[in-house]
Amino acid sequence: MSRPTGEPEGQHPVPRNRLIPAAALLLTLVAAVTAAGCGKPPDLRPQPGVPVPSPSAQPTGRSPIALPSASASVSAAPTFSENYYVACLGSPSGDQVVAALRAKTKLLPRTGTVTATTGPLCSGSWQYTIVQAAGREPLVVVTKGAPTALQVVTAGTDVCTVTVRAQAPPGLLSAARCS
């Protein structure tokens, strides 16, 4: 009679159905021994005859913490982190950036369709937008300030000017690829 390979001569394999209960018993024994050492140390257990303090509901002399009221005012303009850029979500809108650009520069035609193809992207109080006028190259615009009072910092094909590099937050520098 031939033996399966890997079995020593004269030994019989232990059936698997016997190993599983034995392993479970061993695991339970190890867990019980480990847990037996858990609990409060003797010096922290209440000593017989020694009174145990109980919590009281008496005032501590501290004034209660005032929570903000539900009617706290919410600022009209959202605030954005300066460390990264995110979509401005309409505050300002692309139309507001185009209006500021038309009002404060001569880079766009006074009439015709101009759309924001990228952004505005916000970082702190700064915005990065790419606008496109019909029949013209895309124009990169950097603005700052509140949506209703945008200041055009610079506009063109390269907005990484000295002013932008020195004053703009890191998130805007990343959006404009000034790094």
Protein backbone atom coordinates (compact mmCIF):
# COMPACT_ATOMS: atom_id res chain seq x y z
CA MET A 1 0.00 0.00 0.00
CA SER A 2 1.44 3.37 -0.95
CA ARG A 3 1.48 6.38 1.37
CA PRO A 4 0.68 9.95 0.39
CA THR A 5 3.79 12.06 0.03
CA GLY A 6 4.79 14.15 3.03
CA GLU A 7 3.53 11.62 5.67
CA PRO A 8 6.22 10.15 7.93
CA GLU A 9 6.44 6.36 8.14
CA GLY A 10 4.39 4.89 10.98
CA GLN A 11 2.37 8.03 11.80
CA HIS A 12 -1.24 8.66 11.01
CA PRO A 13 -2.59 12.13 10.26
CA VAL A 14 -4.89 13.74 12.84
CA PRO A 15 -8.32 14.30 11.31
CA ARG A 16 -9.19 17.97 10.78
CA ASN A 17 -12.49 17.64 12.61
CA ARG A 18 -10.46 17.00 15.82
CA LEU A 19 -8.07 19.93 15.31
CA ILE A 20 -10.72 22.66 15.10
CA PRO A 21 -12.31 22.00 18.55
CA ALA A 22 -8.83 21.63 20.09
CA ALA A 23 -7.73 24.97 18.62
CA ALA A 24 -10.92 26.65 19.84
CA LEU A 25 -10.38 25.24 23.35
CA LEU A 26 -6.78 26.45 23.38
CA LEU A 27 -7.83 29.92 22.20
CA THR A 28 -10.55 30.12 24.88
CA LEU A 29 -8.04 29.05 27.55
CA VAL A 30 -5.51 31.70 26.47
CA ALA A 31 -8.22 34.40 26.48
CA ALA A 32 -9.44 33.37 29.94
CA VAL A 33 -5.92 33.42 31.41
CA THR A 34 -5.23 36.81 29.82
CA ALA A 35 -8.50 38.31 31.07
CA ALA A 36 -7.96 36.97 34.59
CA GLY A 37 -5.34 39.64 35.19
CA CYS A 38 -7.75 42.44 34.23
CA GLY A 39 -9.62 44.55 36.74
CA LYS A 40 -8.85 47.27 39.23
CA PRO A 41 -5.50 47.10 41.00
CA PRO A 42 -5.81 46.41 44.75
CA ASP A 43 -4.89 49.99 45.71
CA LEU A 44 -7.81 51.38 43.62
CA ARG A 45 -10.46 49.06 45.04
CA PRO A 46 -12.67 50.53 47.79
CA GLN A 47 -11.31 49.64 51.21
CA PRO A 48 -13.76 48.35 53.80
CA GLY A 49 -14.77 51.06 56.28
CA VAL A 50 -13.45 53.92 54.09
CA PRO A 51 -16.18 56.23 52.74
CA VAL A 52 -16.36 56.46 48.95
CA PRO A 53 -17.13 59.95 47.55
CA SER A 54 -20.19 60.16 45.35
CA PRO A 55 -20.79 62.68 42.56
CA SER A 56 -22.79 65.73 43.57
CA ALA A 57 -25.01 68.01 41.55
CA GLN A 58 -23.98 71.15 43.42
CA PRO A 59 -22.60 74.11 41.48
CA THR A 60 -18.82 74.30 41.15
CA GLY A 61 -18.57 78.08 41.15
CA ARG A 62 -17.70 78.18 37.46
CA SER A 63 -19.92 80.09 35.11
CA PRO A 64 -21.70 77.99 32.50
CA ILE A 65 -20.29 77.94 28.98
CA ALA A 66 -22.29 80.11 26.62
CA LEU A 67 -23.17 78.43 23.35
CA PRO A 68 -23.80 80.42 20.17
CA SER A 69 -27.43 81.20 19.63
CA ALA A 70 -29.35 79.74 16.73
CA SER A 71 -29.85 83.24 15.37
CA ALA A 72 -26.12 83.87 14.94
CA SER A 73 -25.55 85.71 11.69
CA VAL A 74 -23.97 83.89 8.80
CA SER A 75 -21.63 85.85 6.58
CA ALA A 76 -22.92 86.50 3.08
CA ALA A 77 -19.68 85.48 1.38
CA PRO A 78 -18.23 82.04 2.05
CA THR A 79 -14.69 81.83 3.35
CA PHE A 80 -12.14 79.60 1.67
CA SER A 81 -8.87 78.13 2.90
CA GLU A 82 -5.72 79.82 1.63
CA ASN A 83 -3.82 76.52 1.55
CA TYR A 84 -5.66 75.06 -1.43
CA TYR A 85 -8.13 76.10 -4.11
CA VAL A 86 -11.73 75.00 -4.55
CA ALA A 87 -14.60 75.89 -6.86
CA CYS A 88 -16.12 79.18 -5.68
CA LEU A 89 -19.65 77.78 -6.18
CA GLY A 90 -21.04 81.04 -7.53
CA SER A 91 -19.42 83.36 -5.02
CA PRO A 92 -18.19 85.03 -7.20
CA SER A 93 -19.72 83.77 -10.40
CA GLY A 94 -17.99 83.73 -13.76
CA ASP A 95 -20.27 86.57 -14.85
CA GLN A 96 -19.09 88.71 -11.92
CA VAL A 97 -15.46 88.13 -12.91
CA VAL A 98 -16.25 89.03 -16.54
CA ALA A 99 -18.10 92.18 -15.40
CA ALA A 100 -15.14 93.27 -13.23
CA LEU A 101 -12.72 92.59 -16.08
CA ARG A 102 -14.82 94.61 -18.54
CA ALA A 103 -15.26 97.49 -16.08
CA LYS A 104 -11.62 97.79 -15.03
CA THR A 105 -9.61 96.80 -18.12
CA LYS A 106 -9.76 96.99 -21.91
CA LEU A 107 -8.87 93.34 -22.40
CA LEU A 108 -12.39 92.21 -23.36
CA PRO A 109 -14.79 93.57 -25.94
CA ARG A 110 -17.63 95.61 -24.42
CA THR A 111 -20.18 93.44 -26.18
CA GLY A 112 -20.32 89.81 -27.20
CA THR A 113 -20.30 86.54 -25.39
CA VAL A 114 -17.56 85.91 -22.84
CA THR A 115 -17.70 82.78 -20.74
CA ALA A 116 -15.69 81.41 -17.85
CA THR A 117 -14.19 78.16 -19.12
CA THR A 118 -12.39 77.40 -15.84
CA GLY A 119 -13.46 78.59 -12.42
CA PRO A 120 -13.69 80.81 -10.68
CA LEU A 121 -11.50 78.86 -8.26
CA CYS A 122 -11.16 80.36 -4.78
CA SER A 123 -8.29 80.42 -2.31
CA GLY A 124 -8.80 82.73 0.65
CA SER A 125 -10.28 85.93 -0.77
CA TRP A 126 -8.53 85.44 -4.14
CA GLN A 127 -10.01 83.97 -7.33
CA TYR A 128 -8.52 82.33 -10.43
CA THR A 129 -10.60 82.22 -13.62
CA ILE A 130 -10.01 81.50 -17.30
CA VAL A 131 -12.40 83.36 -19.60
CA GLN A 132 -12.95 82.99 -23.33
CA ALA A 133 -14.31 85.62 -25.71
CA ALA A 134 -15.53 84.55 -29.14
CA GLY A 135 -12.67 84.63 -31.65
CA ARG A 136 -9.99 85.36 -29.02
CA GLU A 137 -7.43 83.40 -27.01
CA PRO A 138 -8.33 82.35 -23.48
CA LEU A 139 -7.56 84.97 -20.86
CA VAL A 140 -6.39 84.04 -17.36
CA VAL A 141 -7.73 86.37 -14.67
CA VAL A 142 -6.71 86.78 -11.02
CA THR A 143 -9.10 88.75 -8.82
CA LYS A 144 -9.47 89.29 -5.11
CA GLY A 145 -12.07 90.57 -2.72
CA ALA A 146 -15.77 90.13 -2.11
CA PRO A 147 -17.92 88.93 -5.02
CA THR A 148 -19.69 92.31 -5.24
CA ALA A 149 -16.44 94.32 -5.11
CA LEU A 150 -13.90 92.32 -7.10
CA GLN A 151 -10.49 93.85 -7.74
CA VAL A 152 -8.68 92.70 -10.87
CA VAL A 153 -5.13 91.89 -9.76
CA THR A 154 -3.89 90.84 -13.19
CA ALA A 155 -5.11 89.28 -16.43
CA GLY A 156 -3.32 87.83 -19.43
CA THR A 157 -1.69 84.61 -20.55
CA ASP A 158 0.80 84.54 -17.64
CA VAL A 159 -0.60 85.76 -14.33
CA CYS A 160 2.40 84.82 -12.18
CA THR A 161 3.45 88.43 -11.70
CA VAL A 162 5.58 89.72 -8.83
CA THR A 163 2.42 90.95 -7.08
CA VAL A 164 0.69 87.58 -7.40
CA ARG A 165 3.77 85.65 -6.27
CA ALA A 166 4.29 87.95 -3.27
CA GLN A 167 0.70 88.40 -2.08
CA ALA A 168 -1.50 85.54 -3.31
CA PRO A 169 -2.22 82.60 -1.02
CA PRO A 170 -0.58 79.21 -1.71
CA GLY A 171 -3.79 77.74 -3.10
CA LEU A 172 -4.07 80.40 -5.80
CA LEU A 173 -0.38 80.03 -6.70
CA SER A 174 -1.07 76.33 -7.18
CA ALA A 175 -4.16 76.95 -9.34
CA ALA A 176 -2.20 79.40 -11.51
CA ARG A 177 0.80 77.04 -11.60
CA CYS A 178 3.14 79.74 -10.30
CA SER A 179 5.23 77.26 -8.30
